[in-house]
Amino acid sequence: VNLGQQQFHLAPAKEGDTKPQIITGSVGLVVPDLDSVRERITQSSESLQGTSFEVLADNIDEEGSLTVSCPCGNTIHLYCAKRDSSALQPSVNVPQKMTNMHAPGGTYSSDNL
């Protein structure tokens, strides 16, 4: 999964499977500007057809977040840095909130990682 200059390296589909590794949970990312993400989604909509990409939730007026399913099917929550500038300040004292591993079960579940 490419995220600008960052990437998640997930296992490819196993022999006989049609989908690559799916995280049994979700990942949260802080982005500088959700409006530019929305524009890129619109511009890329044609090339994303036939994939698992989908906008699952767009909270444009509420908390400034966008939830998408990436082309492989992983759930990613995008948060607007403009609305939550504290998210840009790294701190070891802040509890982890940007990853969410769902209940155990399945090949790539939290109990198998």
Foldseek 3Di string as FASTA:
>chain_A
DDDDVDDDDFAADDVPDDATDEAQWAFEDEDADVVVVVVVCVVCVVVLPPFQWDWPDQPVPDQAWTWIQPRRGYIYIYHHCVRVVVVVDDDPPDDDDGITFDDDDDDNGPVND
